[in-house]
Each structure stands twice: as C-alpha cells, then as structure tokens.
Amino acid sequence: MSNIQINKTGEPDIIQASDGRLTLSVPIQIKRRSGRKLVTLPNGEIAKARHWDTAATPLQLALARGIAGLICWNRVKSNL
C-alpha cells in the first residue's frame, strides 16, 4: 500500500477579487510513499530481502524486451 503525506508549507491566505469573489490559497506539499515494507521478526531482527524482490524474473525481462521492441516499432512506423 502507499502512504500519502500532506505537509503544510506556509500560511493560508485569502485573496479578494474586485468582483467580490474570494480565493483561498493553502500552500501544501503532497508526498506519496510506497514500496515494500521491512519485515520485523518476533525476535527484533529484520528479515532478509527475498531474491525475487531484488532481481527481475525471466518473465519480467521478456516483458521489458517486448515493450522496448514495440516502442521501437511504433517509432519506425510513425516515421514512414
């Protein structure tokens, strides 16, 4: 899952237009954090990373090659 953090970076401001409308300005910074969380074992140790979390599988490599080939093909096709 992802964790979204919203940080206030300044003071809010209210701006009044000449026609009477109000604009509210709230300076914020939004950060989305995601990824695999560390697994803590009952004895307090951190579990080692599994090999499939650190290295690409053959299926992932084949998919990446296929997508790269498709991108190249679309570039060649668009230049014709």
Foldseek 3Di string as FASTA:
>chain_A
DKDKDKAFDDDKDWDADPVGDIDIDTDIDIDIGDDDDWDADPVGDTDDDDPCRPDPDPVRVVVVVVVVVVVVVVVVVVVD
